[in-house]
Amino acid sequence: MDTYFLLAILFTLVLIFNLFLRLKVLKDYRILTQNRVDFSMKQMLNENLLKKEVLPMYPKHKDTILSFSRNVKRSMLIASIILIFIIFFALQLLRNR
């Protein structure tokens, strides 16, 4: 039972960190939309495209754009980790029936 407890704590910490990142993403998103900064998901996920196509168009918002892109990528990674945790928990529960 100690393993389950440790995994539950780890899952909770990862979930809280993901929520924190999403709040940062929403804050950056609000700033970017208020300033009519527009770019595609493809540009955001590809750092070379972001630096080559987007940042020269919006030099005043460089830090916010980079922060938004970085935090979205991290949030996606954390969401994947949470999904793996959920699958692992489900498999453990099914195995121990």
C-alpha atoms as a PDB file:
ATOM      1  CA  MET A   1       0.000   0.000   0.000  1.00  0.00           C
ATOM      2  CA  ASP A   2       2.987   2.321   0.477  1.00  0.00           C
ATOM      3  CA  THR A   3       3.681   2.251  -3.262  1.00  0.00           C
ATOM      4  CA  TYR A   4       0.127   3.331  -4.047  1.00  0.00           C
ATOM      5  CA  PHE A   5       0.370   6.144  -1.529  1.00  0.00           C
ATOM      6  CA  LEU A   6       3.681   7.340  -2.967  1.00  0.00           C
ATOM      7  CA  LEU A   7       2.303   7.178  -6.512  1.00  0.00           C
ATOM      8  CA  ALA A   8      -0.833   9.045  -5.440  1.00  0.00           C
ATOM      9  CA  ILE A   9       1.292  11.820  -3.924  1.00  0.00           C
ATOM     10  CA  LEU A  10       3.470  11.976  -7.036  1.00  0.00           C
ATOM     11  CA  PHE A  11       0.366  12.079  -9.253  1.00  0.00           C
ATOM     12  CA  THR A  12      -1.093  14.901  -7.150  1.00  0.00           C
ATOM     13  CA  LEU A  13       2.126  16.912  -7.370  1.00  0.00           C
ATOM     14  CA  VAL A  14       2.301  16.475 -11.145  1.00  0.00           C
ATOM     15  CA  LEU A  15      -1.363  17.492 -11.432  1.00  0.00           C
ATOM     16  CA  ILE A  16      -0.805  20.626  -9.320  1.00  0.00           C
ATOM     17  CA  PHE A  17       2.252  21.548 -11.389  1.00  0.00           C
ATOM     18  CA  ASN A  18       0.209  21.125 -14.568  1.00  0.00           C
ATOM     19  CA  LEU A  19      -2.534  23.396 -13.207  1.00  0.00           C
ATOM     20  CA  PHE A  20       0.103  26.000 -12.318  1.00  0.00           C
ATOM     21  CA  LEU A  21       1.494  25.834 -15.867  1.00  0.00           C
ATOM     22  CA  ARG A  22      -1.977  26.178 -17.352  1.00  0.00           C
ATOM     23  CA  LEU A  23      -2.585  29.324 -15.329  1.00  0.00           C
ATOM     24  CA  LYS A  24       0.637  30.767 -16.722  1.00  0.00           C
ATOM     25  CA  VAL A  25      -0.439  29.748 -20.234  1.00  0.00           C
ATOM     26  CA  LEU A  26      -3.805  31.476 -19.794  1.00  0.00           C
ATOM     27  CA  LYS A  27      -2.129  34.647 -18.529  1.00  0.00           C
ATOM     28  CA  ASP A  28       0.235  34.745 -21.521  1.00  0.00           C
ATOM     29  CA  TYR A  29      -2.621  33.895 -23.897  1.00  0.00           C
ATOM     30  CA  ARG A  30      -4.681  36.799 -22.561  1.00  0.00           C
ATOM     31  CA  ILE A  31      -1.782  39.213 -23.086  1.00  0.00           C
ATOM     32  CA  LEU A  32      -1.161  37.928 -26.617  1.00  0.00           C
ATOM     33  CA  THR A  33      -4.814  38.095 -27.658  1.00  0.00           C
ATOM     34  CA  GLN A  34      -5.250  41.588 -26.212  1.00  0.00           C
ATOM     35  CA  ASN A  35      -2.302  42.713 -28.327  1.00  0.00           C
ATOM     36  CA  ARG A  36      -3.565  40.842 -31.404  1.00  0.00           C
ATOM     37  CA  VAL A  37      -0.497  38.634 -31.647  1.00  0.00           C
ATOM     38  CA  ASP A  38      -1.377  35.816 -34.029  1.00  0.00           C
ATOM     39  CA  PHE A  39       0.502  32.641 -34.911  1.00  0.00           C
ATOM     40  CA  SER A  40      -0.329  29.039 -35.681  1.00  0.00           C
ATOM     41  CA  MET A  41       0.092  25.942 -33.569  1.00  0.00           C
ATOM     42  CA  LYS A  42       2.662  24.708 -36.095  1.00  0.00           C
ATOM     43  CA  GLN A  43       4.723  27.852 -35.570  1.00  0.00           C
ATOM     44  CA  MET A  44       4.386  27.625 -31.822  1.00  0.00           C
ATOM     45  CA  LEU A  45       5.538  24.009 -31.632  1.00  0.00           C
ATOM     46  CA  ASN A  46       8.440  24.512 -34.047  1.00  0.00           C
ATOM     47  CA  GLU A  47      11.003  26.783 -32.413  1.00  0.00           C
ATOM     48  CA  ASN A  48      12.758  27.572 -35.708  1.00  0.00           C
ATOM     49  CA  LEU A  49       9.505  28.739 -37.320  1.00  0.00           C
ATOM     50  CA  LEU A  50       8.645  30.716 -34.220  1.00  0.00           C
ATOM     51  CA  LYS A  51      11.974  32.555 -34.273  1.00  0.00           C
ATOM     52  CA  LYS A  52      12.026  33.001 -38.033  1.00  0.00           C
ATOM     53  CA  GLU A  53       8.397  33.957 -38.746  1.00  0.00           C
ATOM     54  CA  VAL A  54       6.658  35.128 -35.582  1.00  0.00           C
ATOM     55  CA  LEU A  55       9.177  36.917 -33.396  1.00  0.00           C
ATOM     56  CA  PRO A  56      10.278  39.379 -36.125  1.00  0.00           C
ATOM     57  CA  MET A  57       6.620  40.378 -36.599  1.00  0.00           C
ATOM     58  CA  TYR A  58       6.062  40.994 -32.860  1.00  0.00           C
ATOM     59  CA  PRO A  59       9.403  42.030 -31.314  1.00  0.00           C
ATOM     60  CA  LYS A  60       7.700  43.826 -28.390  1.00  0.00           C
ATOM     61  CA  HIS A  61       6.040  40.583 -27.297  1.00  0.00           C
ATOM     62  CA  LYS A  62       9.031  38.283 -27.722  1.00  0.00           C
ATOM     63  CA  ASP A  63       9.240  37.276 -24.052  1.00  0.00           C
ATOM     64  CA  THR A  64       5.507  36.593 -23.781  1.00  0.00           C
ATOM     65  CA  ILE A  65       5.468  34.562 -27.013  1.00  0.00           C
ATOM     66  CA  LEU A  66       8.440  32.455 -25.908  1.00  0.00           C
ATOM     67  CA  SER A  67       6.968  31.978 -22.444  1.00  0.00           C
ATOM     68  CA  PHE A  68       3.607  30.970 -23.908  1.00  0.00           C
ATOM     69  CA  SER A  69       5.209  28.483 -26.308  1.00  0.00           C
ATOM     70  CA  ARG A  70       7.458  26.970 -23.635  1.00  0.00           C
ATOM     71  CA  ASN A  71       4.618  26.632 -21.118  1.00  0.00           C
ATOM     72  CA  VAL A  72       2.241  25.057 -23.653  1.00  0.00           C
ATOM     73  CA  LYS A  73       4.898  22.470 -24.523  1.00  0.00           C
ATOM     74  CA  ARG A  74       5.534  21.737 -20.837  1.00  0.00           C
ATOM     75  CA  SER A  75       1.823  21.501 -20.139  1.00  0.00           C
ATOM     76  CA  MET A  76       1.416  19.010 -22.988  1.00  0.00           C
ATOM     77  CA  LEU A  77       4.280  16.929 -21.596  1.00  0.00           C
ATOM     78  CA  ILE A  78       2.816  16.971 -18.086  1.00  0.00           C
ATOM     79  CA  ALA A  79      -0.619  16.040 -19.450  1.00  0.00           C
ATOM     80  CA  SER A  80       0.991  13.041 -21.159  1.00  0.00           C
ATOM     81  CA  ILE A  81       2.641  12.031 -17.901  1.00  0.00           C
ATOM     82  CA  ILE A  82      -0.706  12.323 -16.099  1.00  0.00           C
ATOM     83  CA  LEU A  83      -2.291  10.101 -18.741  1.00  0.00           C
ATOM     84  CA  ILE A  84       0.446   7.507 -18.214  1.00  0.00           C
ATOM     85  CA  PHE A  85      -0.187   7.662 -14.459  1.00  0.00           C
ATOM     86  CA  ILE A  86      -3.916   7.087 -14.989  1.00  0.00           C
ATOM     87  CA  ILE A  87      -3.273   4.122 -17.279  1.00  0.00           C
ATOM     88  CA  PHE A  88      -0.777   2.673 -14.800  1.00  0.00           C
ATOM     89  CA  PHE A  89      -3.239   3.053 -11.911  1.00  0.00           C
ATOM     90  CA  ALA A  90      -6.017   1.422 -13.940  1.00  0.00           C
ATOM     91  CA  LEU A  91      -3.787  -1.512 -14.892  1.00  0.00           C
ATOM     92  CA  GLN A  92      -2.716  -1.980 -11.280  1.00  0.00           C
ATOM     93  CA  LEU A  93      -6.304  -1.941 -10.076  1.00  0.00           C
ATOM     94  CA  LEU A  94      -7.376  -4.447 -12.720  1.00  0.00           C
ATOM     95  CA  ARG A  95      -4.442  -6.716 -11.944  1.00  0.00           C
ATOM     96  CA  ASN A  96      -5.108  -6.721  -8.203  1.00  0.00           C
ATOM     97  CA  ARG A  97      -8.827  -7.542  -8.433  1.00  0.00           C
END
